[in-house]
Each structure stands twice: as C-alpha cells, then as structure tokens.
Amino acid sequence: MENPVLSILALLAVLLLVVVTGGVGYLTLADWRDRRRQENEKRETKSTTPKRR
C-alpha cells in the first residue's frame, strides 16, 4: 500500500519542476528578444545618424 503523503509530495515535486523549467524558458526567451531588439535599435540609430566629417 502506497503512502498518500508520498504521492502528493512526488506530484508536488514534479509540478514545481515544470513551473521552474517554464520560468527559466520564459526568462531566456525574454532576454533573447530584448537583446535582439536592442541590436536592431543600434543598427537603426547608426544608419539614421548623419556622418560627421
């Protein structure tokens, strides 16, 4: 006979693992999007500013 407390704890551990993994994935994606946006803004700024001579 399996202990119901252990079953609940195991399920909770799996759920927390999924939540933490999803959070790390979200933060990684957000960081990648921000870096890409900043690089695009730098390129646009460089191409639109007049060159000094």
PDB file of N, CA and C in Angstrom:
ATOM      1  N   MET A   1       0.841  -1.180   0.000  1.00  0.00           N
ATOM      2  CA  MET A   1       0.000   0.000   0.000  1.00  0.00           C
ATOM      3  C   MET A   1       0.894   1.254   0.000  1.00  0.00           C
ATOM      4  N   GLU A   2       0.621   2.156  -0.927  1.00  0.00           N
ATOM      5  CA  GLU A   2       1.440   3.354  -1.086  1.00  0.00           C
ATOM      6  C   GLU A   2       0.939   4.447  -0.146  1.00  0.00           C
ATOM      7  N   ASN A   3       1.884   5.162   0.408  1.00  0.00           N
ATOM      8  CA  ASN A   3       1.547   6.244   1.326  1.00  0.00           C
ATOM      9  C   ASN A   3       1.042   7.444   0.524  1.00  0.00           C
ATOM     10  N   PRO A   4      -0.175   7.936   0.824  1.00  0.00           N
ATOM     11  CA  PRO A   4      -0.723   9.061   0.049  1.00  0.00           C
ATOM     12  C   PRO A   4       0.095  10.351   0.210  1.00  0.00           C
ATOM     13  N   VAL A   5       0.751  10.517   1.343  1.00  0.00           N
ATOM     14  CA  VAL A   5       1.565  11.708   1.557  1.00  0.00           C
ATOM     15  C   VAL A   5       2.736  11.728   0.581  1.00  0.00           C
ATOM     16  N   LEU A   6       3.354  10.567   0.385  1.00  0.00           N
ATOM     17  CA  LEU A   6       4.476  10.481  -0.554  1.00  0.00           C
ATOM     18  C   LEU A   6       4.011  10.730  -1.986  1.00  0.00           C
ATOM     19  N   SER A   7       2.834  10.261  -2.322  1.00  0.00           N
ATOM     20  CA  SER A   7       2.290  10.501  -3.655  1.00  0.00           C
ATOM     21  C   SER A   7       2.046  11.991  -3.881  1.00  0.00           C
ATOM     22  N   ILE A   8       1.511  12.655  -2.891  1.00  0.00           N
ATOM     23  CA  ILE A   8       1.249  14.094  -3.008  1.00  0.00           C
ATOM     24  C   ILE A   8       2.561  14.857  -3.122  1.00  0.00           C
ATOM     25  N   LEU A   9       3.547  14.476  -2.306  1.00  0.00           N
ATOM     26  CA  LEU A   9       4.846  15.146  -2.370  1.00  0.00           C
ATOM     27  C   LEU A   9       5.531  14.925  -3.720  1.00  0.00           C
ATOM     28  N   ALA A  10       5.427  13.730  -4.263  1.00  0.00           N
ATOM     29  CA  ALA A  10       6.027  13.446  -5.563  1.00  0.00           C
ATOM     30  C   ALA A  10       5.338  14.268  -6.654  1.00  0.00           C
ATOM     31  N   LEU A  11       4.028  14.353  -6.611  1.00  0.00           N
ATOM     32  CA  LEU A  11       3.282  15.153  -7.584  1.00  0.00           C
ATOM     33  C   LEU A  11       3.646  16.632  -7.447  1.00  0.00           C
ATOM     34  N   LEU A  12       3.764  17.111  -6.231  1.00  0.00           N
ATOM     35  CA  LEU A  12       4.150  18.497  -5.990  1.00  0.00           C
ATOM     36  C   LEU A  12       5.553  18.771  -6.519  1.00  0.00           C
ATOM     37  N   ALA A  13       6.471  17.826  -6.330  1.00  0.00           N
ATOM     38  CA  ALA A  13       7.837  17.998  -6.828  1.00  0.00           C
ATOM     39  C   ALA A  13       7.851  18.076  -8.355  1.00  0.00           C
ATOM     40  N   VAL A  14       7.072  17.248  -9.014  1.00  0.00           N
ATOM     41  CA  VAL A  14       7.008  17.273 -10.477  1.00  0.00           C
ATOM     42  C   VAL A  14       6.395  18.590 -10.955  1.00  0.00           C
ATOM     43  N   LEU A  15       5.339  19.043 -10.318  1.00  0.00           N
ATOM     44  CA  LEU A  15       4.706  20.311 -10.694  1.00  0.00           C
ATOM     45  C   LEU A  15       5.668  21.485 -10.503  1.00  0.00           C
ATOM     46  N   LEU A  16       6.396  21.506  -9.403  1.00  0.00           N
ATOM     47  CA  LEU A  16       7.363  22.578  -9.177  1.00  0.00           C
ATOM     48  C   LEU A  16       8.479  22.543 -10.217  1.00  0.00           C
ATOM     49  N   LEU A  17       8.908  21.352 -10.591  1.00  0.00           N
ATOM     50  CA  LEU A  17       9.945  21.216 -11.613  1.00  0.00           C
ATOM     51  C   LEU A  17       9.453  21.787 -12.948  1.00  0.00           C
ATOM     52  N   VAL A  18       8.211  21.499 -13.286  1.00  0.00           N
ATOM     53  CA  VAL A  18       7.640  22.019 -14.534  1.00  0.00           C
ATOM     54  C   VAL A  18       7.527  23.539 -14.476  1.00  0.00           C
ATOM     55  N   VAL A  19       7.087  24.081 -13.347  1.00  0.00           N
ATOM     56  CA  VAL A  19       6.933  25.530 -13.200  1.00  0.00           C
ATOM     57  C   VAL A  19       8.290  26.224 -13.284  1.00  0.00           C
ATOM     58  N   VAL A  20       9.288  25.699 -12.599  1.00  0.00           N
ATOM     59  CA  VAL A  20      10.621  26.311 -12.620  1.00  0.00           C
ATOM     60  C   VAL A  20      11.226  26.224 -14.018  1.00  0.00           C
ATOM     61  N   THR A  21      11.077  25.094 -14.675  1.00  0.00           N
ATOM     62  CA  THR A  21      11.605  24.943 -16.033  1.00  0.00           C
ATOM     63  C   THR A  21      10.921  25.915 -16.989  1.00  0.00           C
ATOM     64  N   GLY A  22       9.612  26.060 -16.863  1.00  0.00           N
ATOM     65  CA  GLY A  22       8.884  27.020 -17.688  1.00  0.00           C
ATOM     66  C   GLY A  22       9.332  28.443 -17.420  1.00  0.00           C
ATOM     67  N   GLY A  23       9.578  28.777 -16.167  1.00  0.00           N
ATOM     68  CA  GLY A  23      10.051  30.109 -15.821  1.00  0.00           C
ATOM     69  C   GLY A  23      11.418  30.412 -16.410  1.00  0.00           C
ATOM     70  N   VAL A  24      12.310  29.452 -16.336  1.00  0.00           N
ATOM     71  CA  VAL A  24      13.645  29.632 -16.921  1.00  0.00           C
ATOM     72  C   VAL A  24      13.533  29.799 -18.430  1.00  0.00           C
ATOM     73  N   GLY A  25      12.691  29.018 -19.062  1.00  0.00           N
ATOM     74  CA  GLY A  25      12.483  29.145 -20.506  1.00  0.00           C
ATOM     75  C   GLY A  25      11.915  30.504 -20.876  1.00  0.00           C
ATOM     76  N   TYR A  26      10.964  30.984 -20.090  1.00  0.00           N
ATOM     77  CA  TYR A  26      10.376  32.300 -20.355  1.00  0.00           C
ATOM     78  C   TYR A  26      11.419  33.408 -20.216  1.00  0.00           C
ATOM     79  N   LEU A  27      12.204  33.362 -19.152  1.00  0.00           N
ATOM     80  CA  LEU A  27      13.225  34.390 -18.940  1.00  0.00           C
ATOM     81  C   LEU A  27      14.285  34.359 -20.038  1.00  0.00           C
ATOM     82  N   THR A  28      14.651  33.172 -20.482  1.00  0.00           N
ATOM     83  CA  THR A  28      15.620  33.055 -21.569  1.00  0.00           C
ATOM     84  C   THR A  28      15.062  33.660 -22.851  1.00  0.00           C
ATOM     85  N   LEU A  29      13.811  33.363 -23.159  1.00  0.00           N
ATOM     86  CA  LEU A  29      13.179  33.918 -24.352  1.00  0.00           C
ATOM     87  C   LEU A  29      13.064  35.437 -24.264  1.00  0.00           C
ATOM     88  N   ALA A  30      12.668  35.951 -23.107  1.00  0.00           N
ATOM     89  CA  ALA A  30      12.532  37.396 -22.933  1.00  0.00           C
ATOM     90  C   ALA A  30      13.878  38.092 -23.082  1.00  0.00           C
ATOM     91  N   ASP A  31      14.936  37.499 -22.527  1.00  0.00           N
ATOM     92  CA  ASP A  31      16.278  38.081 -22.648  1.00  0.00           C
ATOM     93  C   ASP A  31      16.730  38.086 -24.105  1.00  0.00           C
ATOM     94  N   TRP A  32      16.465  36.998 -24.815  1.00  0.00           N
ATOM     95  CA  TRP A  32      16.848  36.914 -26.231  1.00  0.00           C
ATOM     96  C   TRP A  32      16.109  37.982 -27.050  1.00  0.00           C
ATOM     97  N   ARG A  33      14.799  38.152 -26.794  1.00  0.00           N
ATOM     98  CA  ARG A  33      14.031  39.170 -27.519  1.00  0.00           C
ATOM     99  C   ARG A  33      14.546  40.573 -27.216  1.00  0.00           C
ATOM    100  N   ASP A  34      14.864  40.839 -25.952  1.00  0.00           N
ATOM    101  CA  ASP A  34      15.363  42.161 -25.580  1.00  0.00           C
ATOM    102  C   ASP A  34      16.701  42.457 -26.253  1.00  0.00           C
ATOM    103  N   ARG A  35      17.598  41.473 -26.261  1.00  0.00           N
ATOM    104  CA  ARG A  35      18.899  41.676 -26.900  1.00  0.00           C
ATOM    105  C   ARG A  35      18.737  41.914 -28.398  1.00  0.00           C
ATOM    106  N   ARG A  36      17.856  41.162 -29.031  1.00  0.00           N
ATOM    107  CA  ARG A  36      17.619  41.338 -30.472  1.00  0.00           C
ATOM    108  C   ARG A  36      17.037  42.717 -30.762  1.00  0.00           C
ATOM    109  N   ARG A  37      16.099  43.173 -29.912  1.00  0.00           N
ATOM    110  CA  ARG A  37      15.507  44.490 -30.080  1.00  0.00           C
ATOM    111  C   ARG A  37      16.555  45.589 -29.904  1.00  0.00           C
ATOM    112  N   GLN A  38      17.421  45.458 -28.911  1.00  0.00           N
ATOM    113  CA  GLN A  38      18.470  46.458 -28.686  1.00  0.00           C
ATOM    114  C   GLN A  38      19.447  46.507 -29.857  1.00  0.00           C
ATOM    115  N   GLU A  39      19.810  45.339 -30.397  1.00  0.00           N
ATOM    116  CA  GLU A  39      20.716  45.310 -31.544  1.00  0.00           C
ATOM    117  C   GLU A  39      20.066  45.972 -32.758  1.00  0.00           C
ATOM    118  N   ASN A  40      18.787  45.733 -32.972  1.00  0.00           N
ATOM    119  CA  ASN A  40      18.079  46.375 -34.086  1.00  0.00           C
ATOM    120  C   ASN A  40      18.015  47.887 -33.902  1.00  0.00           C
ATOM    121  N   GLU A  41      17.787  48.339 -32.669  1.00  0.00           N
ATOM    122  CA  GLU A  41      17.755  49.778 -32.408  1.00  0.00           C
ATOM    123  C   GLU A  41      19.123  50.405 -32.646  1.00  0.00           C
ATOM    124  N   LYS A  42      20.195  49.713 -32.270  1.00  0.00           N
ATOM    125  CA  LYS A  42      21.546  50.227 -32.511  1.00  0.00           C
ATOM    126  C   LYS A  42      21.797  50.371 -34.011  1.00  0.00           C
ATOM    127  N   ARG A  43      21.398  49.351 -34.766  1.00  0.00           N
ATOM    128  CA  ARG A  43      21.584  49.397 -36.227  1.00  0.00           C
ATOM    129  C   ARG A  43      20.808  50.566 -36.839  1.00  0.00           C
ATOM    130  N   GLU A  44      19.558  50.751 -36.393  1.00  0.00           N
ATOM    131  CA  GLU A  44      18.736  51.842 -36.927  1.00  0.00           C
ATOM    132  C   GLU A  44      19.334  53.191 -36.560  1.00  0.00           C
ATOM    133  N   THR A  45      19.844  53.319 -35.355  1.00  0.00           N
ATOM    134  CA  THR A  45      20.436  54.576 -34.915  1.00  0.00           C
ATOM    135  C   THR A  45      21.695  54.879 -35.727  1.00  0.00           C
ATOM    136  N   LYS A  46      22.514  53.869 -35.971  1.00  0.00           N
ATOM    137  CA  LYS A  46      23.722  54.062 -36.748  1.00  0.00           C
ATOM    138  C   LYS A  46      23.408  54.469 -38.190  1.00  0.00           C
ATOM    139  N   SER A  47      22.381  53.883 -38.762  1.00  0.00           N
ATOM    140  CA  SER A  47      22.069  54.161 -40.157  1.00  0.00           C
ATOM    141  C   SER A  47      21.345  55.490 -40.356  1.00  0.00           C
ATOM    142  N   THR A  48      20.695  56.009 -39.312  1.00  0.00           N
ATOM    143  CA  THR A  48      19.942  57.251 -39.456  1.00  0.00           C
ATOM    144  C   THR A  48      20.725  58.475 -39.008  1.00  0.00           C
ATOM    145  N   THR A  49      21.799  58.296 -38.230  1.00  0.00           N
ATOM    146  CA  THR A  49      22.561  59.463 -37.794  1.00  0.00           C
ATOM    147  C   THR A  49      23.470  59.925 -38.911  1.00  0.00           C
ATOM    148  N   PRO A  50      23.549  61.237 -39.127  1.00  0.00           N
ATOM    149  CA  PRO A  50      24.435  61.752 -40.187  1.00  0.00           C
ATOM    150  C   PRO A  50      25.893  61.545 -39.797  1.00  0.00           C
ATOM    151  N   LYS A  51      26.697  61.242 -40.785  1.00  0.00           N
ATOM    152  CA  LYS A  51      28.113  61.012 -40.541  1.00  0.00           C
ATOM    153  C   LYS A  51      28.848  62.355 -40.479  1.00  0.00           C
ATOM    154  N   ARG A  52      29.701  62.491 -39.497  1.00  0.00           N
ATOM    155  CA  ARG A  52      30.485  63.718 -39.347  1.00  0.00           C
ATOM    156  C   ARG A  52      31.772  63.605 -40.120  1.00  0.00           C
ATOM    157  N   ARG A  53      32.184  64.704 -40.690  1.00  0.00           N
ATOM    158  CA  ARG A  53      33.449  64.712 -41.439  1.00  0.00           C
ATOM    159  C   ARG A  53      34.380  65.738 -40.886  1.00  0.00           C
TER     160      ARG A  53
END
